């Protein structure tokens, strides 16, 4: 399917990511790039997911609804997404997604794409494409660190030396990275009115002086955890924007920053020059966004692959990891664990280069 030296006009792509925002975002970015090369791109997901995608920039990508079975009483349509999904319902969502294979086959028959791009959680997608002689390509958007769990027998000391050897050519000797000039808008931020509110606030802040705080779209922090983070933010003394997820009526009062429920243009905040630190759960998409915009990270992993991602962030010196509260075997972080970590990147250490 090479298009070298010729227009890709007439070729179409059907994309099927897993039902998580961290998976949909890289598929959407890939779709935009394919569209710019002349491909017609369809991205299919549930209406619950596409509603949030429409808040962002979907230019060049046509959104197609994929309907999951509606006869599952514990999983109504507004829960056909990992966003705000109670953890105990995650297996139910995976089951419902697998049961959507007939609906996906209907899309294959009606759209007749030239190629299918699928995620790793739905092996039935390439099988369905194969029965229709449609090529299928796996787009793996997760990071490499979790792969270490599948190869525990590897000679880790040798691997460390190899990583060090590979880093040397990239780092160079006796050189300092050149500062990259800003070349116009670096990201389309959509029409989310809340972004304009925060943009105006950020425009009045010094460069690299604000922390952006977001723990992803899936994890519900307890009131105690939220209070600890809020106290840590206040102790740091830096300005901040925090995307919060807590039940109505349990808001934590904040003094030095702004809070917002489910900011659609959250990724665009990292592109603003006033942002000098990103407090993140280290979902891989969040890590890649931070690296893309050159924002140092304060890593506070929660579950799944995030602890490994956080270690990589710290070892590559592109961020620091928050220490857990003493004796805590879960994922809580004491307020004083944040003290100093937030202020350091925002005051110059590891700032954008």
Protein backbone atom coordinates (compact mmCIF):
# COMPACT_ATOMS: atom_id res chain seq x y z
CA UNK A 1 0.00 0.00 0.00
CA UNK A 2 2.82 2.38 -0.79
CA UNK A 3 1.93 5.87 -1.92
CA UNK A 4 5.47 6.99 -2.55
CA UNK A 5 5.51 9.83 -5.06
CA UNK A 6 1.78 9.69 -5.75
CA UNK A 7 -1.45 10.98 -4.28
CA UNK A 8 -3.20 8.82 -1.73
CA UNK A 9 -6.56 10.06 -3.02
CA UNK A 10 -9.13 7.30 -3.10
CA UNK A 11 -7.63 5.31 -0.22
CA UNK A 12 -9.63 5.18 2.99
CA UNK A 13 -8.79 4.17 6.55
CA UNK A 14 -11.10 2.89 9.28
CA UNK A 15 -9.62 3.34 12.77
CA UNK A 16 -10.79 1.43 15.85
CA UNK A 17 -9.11 2.43 19.13
CA UNK A 18 -9.90 1.06 22.58
CA UNK A 19 -12.54 3.04 24.46
CA UNK A 20 -10.11 5.14 26.51
CA UNK A 21 -9.22 8.78 25.90
CA UNK A 22 -5.52 7.90 26.17
CA UNK A 23 -5.95 5.51 23.23
CA UNK A 24 -8.31 7.66 21.15
CA UNK A 25 -6.01 10.72 21.24
CA UNK A 26 -3.04 9.09 19.43
CA UNK A 27 -5.41 7.47 16.92
CA UNK A 28 -6.93 10.89 16.27
CA UNK A 29 -3.49 12.43 15.79
CA UNK A 30 -2.51 9.64 13.38
CA UNK A 31 -5.80 10.15 11.56
CA UNK A 32 -5.11 13.86 11.10
CA UNK A 33 -1.69 13.12 9.65
CA UNK A 34 -3.06 10.48 7.27
CA UNK A 35 -5.78 12.92 6.20
CA UNK A 36 -3.15 15.55 5.43
CA UNK A 37 -1.52 13.01 3.09
CA UNK A 38 -4.72 12.51 1.11
CA UNK A 39 -6.34 9.57 2.90
CA UNK A 40 -10.00 9.60 3.80
CA UNK A 41 -10.09 8.71 7.48
CA UNK A 42 -12.94 7.38 9.61
CA UNK A 43 -12.50 6.94 13.37
CA UNK A 44 -15.15 4.84 15.06
CA UNK A 45 -15.98 4.78 18.75
CA UNK A 46 -19.00 4.92 21.02
CA UNK A 47 -21.21 8.03 21.13
CA UNK A 48 -20.04 8.60 24.73
CA UNK A 49 -16.45 8.94 23.50
CA UNK A 50 -17.18 10.84 20.31
CA UNK A 51 -19.01 13.53 22.30
CA UNK A 52 -15.71 14.49 23.95
CA UNK A 53 -13.74 14.14 20.71
CA UNK A 54 -16.04 16.71 19.09
CA UNK A 55 -14.90 19.22 21.71
CA UNK A 56 -11.41 18.95 20.27
CA UNK A 57 -10.03 19.35 16.79
CA UNK A 58 -11.25 16.52 14.60
CA UNK A 59 -10.54 18.31 11.32
CA UNK A 60 -9.83 15.87 8.53
CA UNK A 61 -11.18 12.88 10.45
CA UNK A 62 -14.77 11.69 10.05
CA UNK A 63 -16.29 10.33 13.26
CA UNK A 64 -18.42 7.18 13.05
CA UNK A 65 -20.52 5.82 15.88
CA UNK A 66 -19.95 2.25 17.07
CA UNK A 67 -22.90 1.05 19.14
CA UNK A 68 -22.32 -1.43 21.93
CA UNK A 69 -25.15 -3.78 23.02
CA UNK A 70 -27.85 -1.78 24.81
CA UNK A 71 -29.28 -4.72 26.76
CA UNK A 72 -26.71 -4.58 29.57
CA UNK A 73 -28.49 -2.85 32.50
CA UNK A 74 -25.27 -2.31 34.47
CA UNK A 75 -23.69 -0.53 31.49
CA UNK A 76 -25.97 2.18 30.04
CA UNK A 77 -24.78 4.07 26.93
CA UNK A 78 -23.25 6.98 28.88
CA UNK A 79 -20.85 4.46 30.45
CA UNK A 80 -19.62 3.12 27.09
CA UNK A 81 -16.24 4.75 27.79
CA UNK A 82 -13.49 4.39 30.37
CA UNK A 83 -13.89 8.07 31.27
CA UNK A 84 -15.53 8.26 34.73
CA UNK A 85 -16.24 4.52 34.61
CA UNK A 86 -16.32 2.90 38.07
CA UNK A 87 -13.37 0.46 38.21
CA UNK A 88 -15.54 -2.57 38.95
CA UNK A 89 -17.32 -2.08 35.60
CA UNK A 90 -14.15 -2.20 33.48
CA UNK A 91 -14.52 -5.97 32.74
CA UNK A 92 -18.14 -5.33 31.73
CA UNK A 93 -17.03 -2.65 29.28
CA UNK A 94 -14.47 -4.99 27.73
CA UNK A 95 -17.15 -7.67 27.34
CA UNK A 96 -19.55 -5.18 25.76
CA UNK A 97 -16.80 -4.00 23.40
CA UNK A 98 -16.15 -7.57 22.26
CA UNK A 99 -19.89 -8.01 21.70
CA UNK A 100 -19.79 -5.03 19.32
CA UNK A 101 -17.99 -7.10 16.66
CA UNK A 102 -21.17 -7.47 14.54
CA UNK A 103 -21.65 -3.69 14.60
CA UNK A 104 -18.04 -3.23 13.50
CA UNK A 105 -18.56 -5.73 10.68
CA UNK A 106 -21.50 -3.62 9.56
CA UNK A 107 -19.19 -0.60 9.35
CA UNK A 108 -16.69 -2.62 7.30
CA UNK A 109 -19.42 -3.58 4.85
CA UNK A 110 -20.84 -0.06 4.52
CA UNK A 111 -17.60 1.94 4.46
CA UNK A 112 -15.46 -0.63 2.63
CA UNK A 113 -12.15 0.87 3.81
CA UNK A 114 -8.82 0.24 2.08
CA UNK A 115 -7.21 -0.61 5.43
CA UNK A 116 -8.20 -1.04 9.08
CA UNK A 117 -6.07 0.40 11.89
CA UNK A 118 -6.89 -1.29 15.19
CA UNK A 119 -5.81 -1.34 18.84
CA UNK A 120 -4.32 -4.29 20.73
CA UNK A 121 -7.43 -5.04 22.83
CA UNK A 122 -9.63 -6.22 19.96
CA UNK A 123 -8.10 -9.20 18.08
CA UNK A 124 -11.47 -9.75 16.45
CA UNK A 125 -11.05 -6.57 14.37
CA UNK A 126 -8.24 -7.85 12.09
CA UNK A 127 -10.02 -11.20 11.85
CA UNK A 128 -13.19 -9.49 10.63
CA UNK A 129 -11.16 -7.44 8.15
CA UNK A 130 -9.36 -10.55 6.85
CA UNK A 131 -12.64 -12.25 5.93
CA UNK A 132 -13.31 -9.28 3.66
CA UNK A 133 -9.78 -9.17 2.20
CA UNK A 134 -9.10 -5.85 3.92
CA UNK A 135 -5.54 -5.34 5.26
CA UNK A 136 -5.32 -4.56 8.98
CA UNK A 137 -2.53 -2.74 10.82
CA UNK A 138 -1.96 -2.76 14.58
CA UNK A 139 -1.27 0.70 16.00
CA UNK A 140 0.25 0.19 19.43
CA UNK A 141 0.00 3.50 21.27
CA UNK A 142 1.21 2.32 24.68
CA UNK A 143 4.80 2.74 25.81
CA UNK A 144 7.61 0.19 25.79
CA UNK A 145 8.38 0.08 29.56
CA UNK A 146 5.64 -2.47 30.50
CA UNK A 147 7.17 -4.98 28.07
CA UNK A 148 9.84 -5.67 30.69
CA UNK A 149 7.21 -7.63 32.63
CA UNK A 150 7.06 -10.18 29.82
CA UNK A 151 10.83 -10.74 29.73
CA UNK A 152 12.02 -11.00 33.35
CA UNK A 153 14.84 -13.35 32.34
CA UNK A 154 16.68 -10.63 30.43
CA UNK A 155 20.17 -9.67 31.60
CA UNK A 156 19.22 -6.34 33.18
CA UNK A 157 22.80 -5.08 33.82
CA UNK A 158 23.57 -5.59 30.13
CA UNK A 159 20.37 -3.78 29.19
CA UNK A 160 21.35 -0.84 31.36
CA UNK A 161 24.68 -0.57 29.59
CA UNK A 162 22.92 -0.75 26.24
CA UNK A 163 20.51 2.04 27.16
CA UNK A 164 23.44 4.17 28.33
CA UNK A 165 25.31 3.45 25.09
CA UNK A 166 22.30 4.44 22.97
CA UNK A 167 21.81 7.68 24.90
CA UNK A 168 25.35 8.95 24.32
CA UNK A 169 25.02 9.78 20.59
CA UNK A 170 21.71 11.53 21.23
CA UNK A 171 23.05 13.63 24.08
CA UNK A 172 26.34 14.60 22.46
CA UNK A 173 29.34 15.92 24.36
CA UNK A 174 29.81 19.47 25.55
CA UNK A 175 26.71 20.73 23.77
CA UNK A 176 23.62 22.49 25.02
CA UNK A 177 20.27 22.15 23.23
CA UNK A 178 19.27 25.20 21.22
CA UNK A 179 16.09 26.94 22.22
CA UNK A 180 13.42 26.41 19.60
CA UNK A 181 11.64 29.57 18.45
CA UNK A 182 7.86 29.51 18.57
CA UNK A 183 6.40 29.26 15.09
CA UNK A 184 2.82 30.41 15.36
CA UNK A 185 0.07 28.36 17.00
CA UNK A 186 1.49 24.99 18.01
CA UNK A 187 -1.85 23.27 18.47
CA UNK A 188 -5.45 23.88 17.56
CA UNK A 189 -7.24 24.23 20.88
CA UNK A 190 -10.80 23.80 19.69
CA UNK A 191 -13.78 25.91 20.66
CA UNK A 192 -13.99 24.86 24.32
CA UNK A 193 -14.95 28.16 26.03
CA UNK A 194 -13.16 27.03 29.19
CA UNK A 195 -9.84 27.04 27.35
CA UNK A 196 -10.24 30.75 26.58
CA UNK A 197 -10.74 31.43 30.27
CA UNK A 198 -7.53 29.64 31.19
CA UNK A 199 -5.64 31.04 28.21
CA UNK A 200 -6.37 34.58 29.37
CA UNK A 201 -5.18 33.68 32.88
CA UNK A 202 -1.99 32.03 31.57
CA UNK A 203 -1.21 34.98 29.30
CA UNK A 204 -0.62 37.09 32.41
CA UNK A 205 1.77 34.60 34.02
CA UNK A 206 5.58 34.57 33.60
CA UNK A 207 7.12 31.88 31.40
CA UNK A 208 7.36 28.42 33.01
CA UNK A 209 5.74 29.64 36.24
CA UNK A 210 2.56 27.53 36.33
CA UNK A 211 1.95 23.85 37.08
CA UNK A 212 -0.67 21.88 35.13
CA UNK A 213 -2.21 19.06 37.17
CA UNK A 214 -4.17 16.16 35.68
CA UNK A 215 -4.49 12.54 36.78
CA UNK A 216 -6.24 11.25 33.66
CA UNK A 217 -9.84 10.42 32.89
CA UNK A 218 -10.23 7.06 34.63
CA UNK A 219 -9.10 7.26 38.26
CA UNK A 220 -11.37 8.58 41.01
CA UNK A 221 -9.35 10.21 43.78
CA UNK A 222 -10.82 9.99 47.26
CA UNK A 223 -11.58 13.17 49.16
CA UNK A 224 -8.55 12.48 51.37
CA UNK A 225 -6.26 12.12 48.36
CA UNK A 226 -7.67 15.25 46.76
CA UNK A 227 -7.13 17.20 49.98
CA UNK A 228 -3.51 16.00 50.23
CA UNK A 229 -2.76 17.07 46.66
CA UNK A 230 -4.47 20.42 47.26
CA UNK A 231 -2.38 20.99 50.40
CA UNK A 232 0.76 20.07 48.49
CA UNK A 233 -0.09 22.52 45.72
CA UNK A 234 -0.59 25.28 48.26
CA UNK A 235 2.69 24.41 50.02
CA UNK A 236 4.56 24.64 46.71
CA UNK A 237 3.57 28.27 46.32
CA UNK A 238 3.25 28.08 42.53
CA UNK A 239 0.26 28.93 40.39
CA UNK A 240 -1.55 25.96 38.90
CA UNK A 241 -4.40 24.66 36.76
CA UNK A 242 -5.89 21.41 38.04
CA UNK A 243 -8.35 19.22 36.14
CA UNK A 244 -10.41 17.75 38.97
CA UNK A 245 -12.68 14.74 39.17
CA UNK A 246 -14.72 14.48 42.35
CA UNK A 247 -18.40 14.14 43.27
CA UNK A 248 -20.52 17.25 43.34
CA UNK A 249 -20.41 18.99 46.69
CA UNK A 250 -16.95 17.72 47.63
CA UNK A 251 -14.89 20.51 46.09
CA UNK A 252 -11.66 21.40 47.86
CA UNK A 253 -11.06 25.17 48.28
CA UNK A 254 -7.96 26.42 46.44
CA UNK A 255 -6.17 29.77 46.66
CA UNK A 256 -3.29 29.92 44.17
CA UNK A 257 -4.81 28.29 41.12
CA UNK A 258 -7.77 27.32 38.98
CA UNK A 259 -9.77 24.12 38.96
CA UNK A 260 -11.98 22.73 36.22
CA UNK A 261 -14.10 19.64 35.70
CA UNK A 262 -13.11 17.71 32.56
CA UNK A 263 -11.40 20.40 30.52
CA UNK A 264 -11.71 19.28 26.89
CA UNK A 265 -8.63 21.23 25.71
CA UNK A 266 -6.41 20.03 28.56
CA UNK A 267 -3.68 18.91 26.17
CA UNK A 268 -3.45 22.41 24.75
CA UNK A 269 -2.55 23.87 28.14
CA UNK A 270 0.84 22.14 27.99
CA UNK A 271 1.62 24.10 24.83
CA UNK A 272 1.36 27.44 26.65
CA UNK A 273 4.72 29.02 27.49
CA UNK A 274 3.57 29.85 31.04
CA UNK A 275 3.34 26.16 31.96
CA UNK A 276 6.58 24.94 33.53
CA UNK A 277 5.55 21.64 35.16
CA UNK A 278 3.06 18.84 34.51
CA UNK A 279 1.79 16.85 37.49
CA UNK A 280 0.71 13.61 35.84
CA UNK A 281 -0.38 10.04 36.56
CA UNK A 282 2.03 8.98 33.78
CA UNK A 283 -0.43 7.46 31.40
CA UNK A 284 1.63 7.00 28.26
CA UNK A 285 -0.31 9.55 26.20
CA UNK A 286 0.23 12.14 28.94
CA UNK A 287 3.96 11.36 29.02
CA UNK A 288 4.19 11.77 25.25
CA UNK A 289 2.28 15.09 25.38
CA UNK A 290 4.70 16.40 28.00
CA UNK A 291 7.72 15.34 25.93
CA UNK A 292 6.16 16.83 22.82
CA UNK A 293 5.89 20.27 24.42
CA UNK A 294 9.07 20.05 26.49
CA UNK A 295 7.34 20.31 29.87
CA UNK A 296 9.10 18.60 32.83
CA UNK A 297 6.93 16.14 34.73
CA UNK A 298 6.11 15.53 38.38
CA UNK A 299 5.18 11.85 38.23
CA UNK A 300 2.50 10.46 40.55
CA UNK A 301 1.60 7.03 39.08
CA UNK A 302 -1.64 5.36 40.10
CA UNK A 303 -1.98 1.89 38.49
CA UNK A 304 -1.40 -0.35 35.46
CA UNK A 305 1.74 0.65 33.48
CA UNK A 306 2.02 4.03 35.15
CA UNK A 307 4.61 3.13 37.86
CA UNK A 308 6.99 1.82 35.18
CA UNK A 309 6.38 4.87 33.02
CA UNK A 310 7.16 7.08 36.01
CA UNK A 311 10.48 5.31 36.58
CA UNK A 312 11.43 5.90 32.95
CA UNK A 313 10.51 9.58 33.28
CA UNK A 314 12.76 9.91 36.34
CA UNK A 315 15.66 7.89 34.87
CA UNK A 316 15.64 9.93 31.65
CA UNK A 317 15.76 13.09 33.78
CA UNK A 318 12.67 14.56 32.16
CA UNK A 319 10.83 14.65 35.47
CA UNK A 320 10.80 13.69 39.13
CA UNK A 321 8.71 11.09 40.92
CA UNK A 322 6.66 11.97 43.97
CA UNK A 323 7.48 9.85 47.00
CA UNK A 324 4.62 7.94 48.54
CA UNK A 325 3.60 8.68 52.08
CA UNK A 326 5.74 6.76 54.60
CA UNK A 327 4.55 3.18 55.00
CA UNK A 328 1.91 3.56 52.32
CA UNK A 329 1.60 0.46 50.17
CA UNK A 330 -1.17 1.89 48.02
CA UNK A 331 -1.09 4.95 45.78
CA UNK A 332 -1.53 7.83 48.24
CA UNK A 333 0.96 10.65 48.43
CA UNK A 334 1.45 12.86 51.48
CA UNK A 335 1.05 16.60 51.04
CA UNK A 336 4.68 17.31 51.92
CA UNK A 337 5.82 14.88 49.21
CA UNK A 338 4.86 17.61 46.75
CA UNK A 339 6.68 20.40 48.54
CA UNK A 340 9.68 21.53 46.48
CA UNK A 341 9.00 19.14 43.58
CA UNK A 342 6.48 21.48 42.00
CA UNK A 343 8.41 24.65 42.61
CA UNK A 344 11.70 23.39 41.14
CA UNK A 345 10.60 22.89 37.49
CA UNK A 346 8.54 26.08 37.57
CA UNK A 347 11.51 28.06 38.83
CA UNK A 348 13.84 26.98 36.08
CA UNK A 349 15.09 23.42 36.61
CA UNK A 350 14.26 21.36 33.55
CA UNK A 351 12.29 24.15 31.92
CA UNK A 352 11.49 24.18 28.23
CA UNK A 353 14.60 24.18 26.05
